[in-house]
């Protein structure tokens, strides 16, 4: 069983978002993920998207 990454989420919320520890523990997971969604860099494109971009805009 994989453990839920509470420590990692706590560090991201407190250090990256500047949320007070008491606010973090008072948030719902939905609230936290809504904030983190905008604070973290976007995921890199998948292979199909990358190939499509190369096909459309290649040198």
PDB file of N, CA and C in Angstrom:
ATOM      1  N   UNK A   1       0.845  -1.180   0.000  1.00  0.00           N
ATOM      2  CA  UNK A   1       0.000   0.000   0.000  1.00  0.00           C
ATOM      3  C   UNK A   1       0.895   1.249   0.000  1.00  0.00           C
ATOM      4  N   UNK A   2       0.588   2.199  -0.865  1.00  0.00           N
ATOM      5  CA  UNK A   2       1.327   3.449  -0.934  1.00  0.00           C
ATOM      6  C   UNK A   2       0.754   4.429   0.080  1.00  0.00           C
ATOM      7  N   UNK A   3       1.643   5.046   0.834  1.00  0.00           N
ATOM      8  CA  UNK A   3       1.204   6.017   1.834  1.00  0.00           C
ATOM      9  C   UNK A   3       0.919   7.362   1.175  1.00  0.00           C
ATOM     10  N   UNK A   4      -0.060   8.074   1.719  1.00  0.00           N
ATOM     11  CA  UNK A   4      -0.390   9.398   1.206  1.00  0.00           C
ATOM     12  C   UNK A   4       0.736  10.360   1.583  1.00  0.00           C
ATOM     13  N   UNK A   5       1.208  11.211   0.652  1.00  0.00           N
ATOM     14  CA  UNK A   5       2.380  12.056   0.907  1.00  0.00           C
ATOM     15  C   UNK A   5       2.060  13.332   1.708  1.00  0.00           C
ATOM     16  N   UNK A   6       1.566  13.167   2.941  1.00  0.00           N
ATOM     17  CA  UNK A   6       1.226  14.336   3.753  1.00  0.00           C
ATOM     18  C   UNK A   6       2.417  15.261   3.961  1.00  0.00           C
ATOM     19  N   UNK A   7       3.588  14.689   4.240  1.00  0.00           N
ATOM     20  CA  UNK A   7       4.762  15.522   4.513  1.00  0.00           C
ATOM     21  C   UNK A   7       5.131  16.371   3.295  1.00  0.00           C
ATOM     22  N   UNK A   8       5.111  15.776   2.135  1.00  0.00           N
ATOM     23  CA  UNK A   8       5.450  16.522   0.918  1.00  0.00           C
ATOM     24  C   UNK A   8       4.438  17.637   0.653  1.00  0.00           C
ATOM     25  N   UNK A   9       3.164  17.333   0.810  1.00  0.00           N
ATOM     26  CA  UNK A   9       2.134  18.351   0.615  1.00  0.00           C
ATOM     27  C   UNK A   9       2.263  19.468   1.642  1.00  0.00           C
ATOM     28  N   UNK A  10       2.590  19.094   2.868  1.00  0.00           N
ATOM     29  CA  UNK A  10       2.776  20.084   3.936  1.00  0.00           C
ATOM     30  C   UNK A  10       3.919  21.038   3.570  1.00  0.00           C
ATOM     31  N   UNK A  11       5.036  20.492   3.150  1.00  0.00           N
ATOM     32  CA  UNK A  11       6.193  21.321   2.786  1.00  0.00           C
ATOM     33  C   UNK A  11       5.858  22.228   1.608  1.00  0.00           C
ATOM     34  N   UNK A  12       5.202  21.704   0.587  1.00  0.00           N
ATOM     35  CA  UNK A  12       4.805  22.530  -0.554  1.00  0.00           C
ATOM     36  C   UNK A  12       3.878  23.667  -0.129  1.00  0.00           C
ATOM     37  N   UNK A  13       2.903  23.339   0.699  1.00  0.00           N
ATOM     38  CA  UNK A  13       1.932  24.346   1.125  1.00  0.00           C
ATOM     39  C   UNK A  13       2.575  25.434   1.971  1.00  0.00           C
ATOM     40  N   UNK A  14       3.399  25.039   2.915  1.00  0.00           N
ATOM     41  CA  UNK A  14       3.988  26.017   3.828  1.00  0.00           C
ATOM     42  C   UNK A  14       5.107  26.806   3.156  1.00  0.00           C
ATOM     43  N   UNK A  15       6.025  26.131   2.480  1.00  0.00           N
ATOM     44  CA  UNK A  15       7.174  26.826   1.908  1.00  0.00           C
ATOM     45  C   UNK A  15       6.885  27.492   0.569  1.00  0.00           C
ATOM     46  N   UNK A  16       6.148  26.827  -0.289  1.00  0.00           N
ATOM     47  CA  UNK A  16       5.921  27.375  -1.634  1.00  0.00           C
ATOM     48  C   UNK A  16       4.729  28.325  -1.676  1.00  0.00           C
ATOM     49  N   UNK A  17       3.670  27.990  -0.953  1.00  0.00           N
ATOM     50  CA  UNK A  17       2.467  28.824  -0.977  1.00  0.00           C
ATOM     51  C   UNK A  17       2.394  29.801   0.186  1.00  0.00           C
ATOM     52  N   UNK A  18       3.215  29.585   1.208  1.00  0.00           N
ATOM     53  CA  UNK A  18       3.208  30.482   2.359  1.00  0.00           C
ATOM     54  C   UNK A  18       2.003  30.306   3.271  1.00  0.00           C
ATOM     55  N   UNK A  19       1.412  29.135   3.246  1.00  0.00           N
ATOM     56  CA  UNK A  19       0.252  28.852   4.093  1.00  0.00           C
ATOM     57  C   UNK A  19       0.737  28.537   5.500  1.00  0.00           C
ATOM     58  N   UNK A  20       0.087  29.081   6.496  1.00  0.00           N
ATOM     59  CA  UNK A  20       0.431  28.782   7.889  1.00  0.00           C
ATOM     60  C   UNK A  20       0.095  27.321   8.184  1.00  0.00           C
ATOM     61  N   UNK A  21       0.896  26.667   9.030  1.00  0.00           N
ATOM     62  CA  UNK A  21       0.613  25.265   9.349  1.00  0.00           C
ATOM     63  C   UNK A  21      -0.819  25.030   9.822  1.00  0.00           C
ATOM     64  N   UNK A  22      -1.341  25.917  10.642  1.00  0.00           N
ATOM     65  CA  UNK A  22      -2.716  25.731  11.121  1.00  0.00           C
ATOM     66  C   UNK A  22      -3.726  25.825   9.977  1.00  0.00           C
ATOM     67  N   UNK A  23      -3.451  26.669   8.989  1.00  0.00           N
ATOM     68  CA  UNK A  23      -4.332  26.754   7.823  1.00  0.00           C
ATOM     69  C   UNK A  23      -4.258  25.477   6.998  1.00  0.00           C
ATOM     70  N   UNK A  24      -3.041  24.936   6.856  1.00  0.00           N
ATOM     71  CA  UNK A  24      -2.880  23.698   6.100  1.00  0.00           C
ATOM     72  C   UNK A  24      -3.731  22.587   6.690  1.00  0.00           C
ATOM     73  N   UNK A  25      -3.639  22.406   8.006  1.00  0.00           N
ATOM     74  CA  UNK A  25      -4.366  21.309   8.640  1.00  0.00           C
ATOM     75  C   UNK A  25      -5.873  21.560   8.670  1.00  0.00           C
ATOM     76  N   UNK A  26      -6.299  22.791   8.452  1.00  0.00           N
ATOM     77  CA  UNK A  26      -7.718  23.107   8.412  1.00  0.00           C
ATOM     78  C   UNK A  26      -8.326  23.016   7.025  1.00  0.00           C
ATOM     79  N   UNK A  27      -7.478  22.815   6.004  1.00  0.00           N
ATOM     80  CA  UNK A  27      -7.961  22.762   4.625  1.00  0.00           C
ATOM     81  C   UNK A  27      -8.467  21.368   4.269  1.00  0.00           C
ATOM     82  N   UNK A  28      -9.383  21.347   3.329  1.00  0.00           N
ATOM     83  CA  UNK A  28      -9.796  20.061   2.759  1.00  0.00           C
ATOM     84  C   UNK A  28      -8.801  19.705   1.658  1.00  0.00           C
ATOM     85  N   UNK A  29      -8.681  18.431   1.314  1.00  0.00           N
ATOM     86  CA  UNK A  29      -7.792  18.070   0.196  1.00  0.00           C
ATOM     87  C   UNK A  29      -8.165  18.791  -1.100  1.00  0.00           C
ATOM     88  N   UNK A  30      -9.432  18.982  -1.346  1.00  0.00           N
ATOM     89  CA  UNK A  30      -9.866  19.675  -2.564  1.00  0.00           C
ATOM     90  C   UNK A  30      -9.346  21.121  -2.592  1.00  0.00           C
ATOM     91  N   UNK A  31      -9.411  21.823  -1.453  1.00  0.00           N
ATOM     92  CA  UNK A  31      -8.895  23.193  -1.377  1.00  0.00           C
ATOM     93  C   UNK A  31      -7.387  23.226  -1.610  1.00  0.00           C
ATOM     94  N   UNK A  32      -6.682  22.309  -0.967  1.00  0.00           N
ATOM     95  CA  UNK A  32      -5.230  22.269  -1.100  1.00  0.00           C
ATOM     96  C   UNK A  32      -4.816  21.989  -2.541  1.00  0.00           C
ATOM     97  N   UNK A  33      -5.416  20.998  -3.174  1.00  0.00           N
ATOM     98  CA  UNK A  33      -5.045  20.664  -4.544  1.00  0.00           C
ATOM     99  C   UNK A  33      -5.418  21.779  -5.518  1.00  0.00           C
ATOM    100  N   UNK A  34      -6.473  22.518  -5.241  1.00  0.00           N
ATOM    101  CA  UNK A  34      -6.830  23.660  -6.095  1.00  0.00           C
ATOM    102  C   UNK A  34      -5.735  24.715  -6.050  1.00  0.00           C
ATOM    103  N   UNK A  35      -5.164  24.945  -4.870  1.00  0.00           N
ATOM    104  CA  UNK A  35      -4.078  25.920  -4.750  1.00  0.00           C
ATOM    105  C   UNK A  35      -2.787  25.392  -5.363  1.00  0.00           C
ATOM    106  N   UNK A  36      -2.461  24.146  -5.097  1.00  0.00           N
ATOM    107  CA  UNK A  36      -1.223  23.570  -5.609  1.00  0.00           C
ATOM    108  C   UNK A  36      -1.235  23.464  -7.130  1.00  0.00           C
ATOM    109  N   UNK A  37      -2.392  23.269  -7.704  1.00  0.00           N
ATOM    110  CA  UNK A  37      -2.514  23.163  -9.160  1.00  0.00           C
ATOM    111  C   UNK A  37      -1.950  24.399  -9.849  1.00  0.00           C
ATOM    112  N   UNK A  38      -2.119  25.554  -9.226  1.00  0.00           N
ATOM    113  CA  UNK A  38      -1.654  26.806  -9.817  1.00  0.00           C
ATOM    114  C   UNK A  38      -0.249  27.181  -9.367  1.00  0.00           C
ATOM    115  N   UNK A  39       0.282  26.502  -8.358  1.00  0.00           N
ATOM    116  CA  UNK A  39       1.604  26.839  -7.835  1.00  0.00           C
ATOM    117  C   UNK A  39       2.712  25.979  -8.428  1.00  0.00           C
ATOM    118  N   UNK A  40       2.366  24.824  -8.943  1.00  0.00           N
ATOM    119  CA  UNK A  40       3.373  23.910  -9.464  1.00  0.00           C
ATOM    120  C   UNK A  40       3.514  24.090 -10.973  1.00  0.00           C
ATOM    121  N   UNK A  41       4.713  23.833 -11.500  1.00  0.00           N
ATOM    122  CA  UNK A  41       4.877  23.956 -12.952  1.00  0.00           C
ATOM    123  C   UNK A  41       4.041  22.901 -13.675  1.00  0.00           C
ATOM    124  N   UNK A  42       3.634  23.192 -14.894  1.00  0.00           N
ATOM    125  CA  UNK A  42       2.833  22.217 -15.638  1.00  0.00           C
ATOM    126  C   UNK A  42       3.653  20.982 -15.982  1.00  0.00           C
ATOM    127  N   UNK A  43       2.969  19.890 -16.181  1.00  0.00           N
ATOM    128  CA  UNK A  43       3.633  18.647 -16.571  1.00  0.00           C
ATOM    129  C   UNK A  43       4.163  18.795 -17.995  1.00  0.00           C
ATOM    130  N   UNK A  44       5.259  18.127 -18.306  1.00  0.00           N
ATOM    131  CA  UNK A  44       5.770  18.207 -19.679  1.00  0.00           C
ATOM    132  C   UNK A  44       4.801  17.525 -20.645  1.00  0.00           C
ATOM    133  N   UNK A  45       4.845  17.902 -21.923  1.00  0.00           N
ATOM    134  CA  UNK A  45       3.936  17.280 -22.886  1.00  0.00           C
ATOM    135  C   UNK A  45       4.268  15.803 -23.085  1.00  0.00           C
ATOM    136  N   UNK A  46       3.251  15.029 -23.398  1.00  0.00           N
ATOM    137  CA  UNK A  46       3.496  13.617 -23.685  1.00  0.00           C
ATOM    138  C   UNK A  46       4.073  13.477 -25.102  1.00  0.00           C
ATOM    139  N   UNK A  47       4.478  12.281 -25.446  1.00  0.00           N
ATOM    140  CA  UNK A  47       5.158  12.028 -26.711  1.00  0.00           C
ATOM    141  C   UNK A  47       4.289  12.403 -27.916  1.00  0.00           C
ATOM    142  N   UNK A  48       3.010  12.060 -27.862  1.00  0.00           N
ATOM    143  CA  UNK A  48       2.123  12.353 -28.992  1.00  0.00           C
ATOM    144  C   UNK A  48       1.979  13.864 -29.197  1.00  0.00           C
ATOM    145  N   UNK A  49       1.843  14.601 -28.133  1.00  0.00           N
ATOM    146  CA  UNK A  49       1.723  16.058 -28.235  1.00  0.00           C
ATOM    147  C   UNK A  49       3.009  16.657 -28.782  1.00  0.00           C
ATOM    148  N   UNK A  50       4.133  16.172 -28.307  1.00  0.00           N
ATOM    149  CA  UNK A  50       5.422  16.658 -28.776  1.00  0.00           C
ATOM    150  C   UNK A  50       5.610  16.373 -30.267  1.00  0.00           C
ATOM    151  N   UNK A  51       5.261  15.188 -30.694  1.00  0.00           N
ATOM    152  CA  UNK A  51       5.380  14.847 -32.115  1.00  0.00           C
ATOM    153  C   UNK A  51       4.448  15.700 -32.979  1.00  0.00           C
ATOM    154  N   UNK A  52       3.252  15.984 -32.468  1.00  0.00           N
ATOM    155  CA  UNK A  52       2.319  16.842 -33.192  1.00  0.00           C
ATOM    156  C   UNK A  52       2.890  18.256 -33.328  1.00  0.00           C
ATOM    157  N   UNK A  53       3.479  18.771 -32.277  1.00  0.00           N
ATOM    158  CA  UNK A  53       4.084  20.123 -32.348  1.00  0.00           C
ATOM    159  C   UNK A  53       5.249  20.163 -33.326  1.00  0.00           C
ATOM    160  N   UNK A  54       6.056  19.111 -33.307  1.00  0.00           N
ATOM    161  CA  UNK A  54       7.192  19.043 -34.247  1.00  0.00           C
ATOM    162  C   UNK A  54       6.679  18.988 -35.686  1.00  0.00           C
ATOM    163  N   UNK A  55       5.626  18.192 -35.908  1.00  0.00           N
ATOM    164  CA  UNK A  55       5.061  18.076 -37.258  1.00  0.00           C
ATOM    165  C   UNK A  55       4.502  19.414 -37.730  1.00  0.00           C
ATOM    166  N   UNK A  56       3.817  20.133 -36.846  1.00  0.00           N
ATOM    167  CA  UNK A  56       3.169  21.378 -37.248  1.00  0.00           C
ATOM    168  C   UNK A  56       4.130  22.569 -37.289  1.00  0.00           C
ATOM    169  N   UNK A  57       5.110  22.607 -36.399  1.00  0.00           N
ATOM    170  CA  UNK A  57       5.971  23.781 -36.287  1.00  0.00           C
ATOM    171  C   UNK A  57       7.461  23.476 -36.412  1.00  0.00           C
ATOM    172  N   UNK A  58       7.796  22.310 -36.946  1.00  0.00           N
ATOM    173  CA  UNK A  58       9.198  21.911 -37.088  1.00  0.00           C
ATOM    174  C   UNK A  58       9.983  22.858 -37.983  1.00  0.00           C
ATOM    175  N   UNK A  59      11.278  22.766 -37.893  1.00  0.00           N
ATOM    176  CA  UNK A  59      12.158  23.627 -38.709  1.00  0.00           C
ATOM    177  C   UNK A  59      12.068  23.303 -40.152  1.00  0.00           C
TER     178      UNK A  59
END
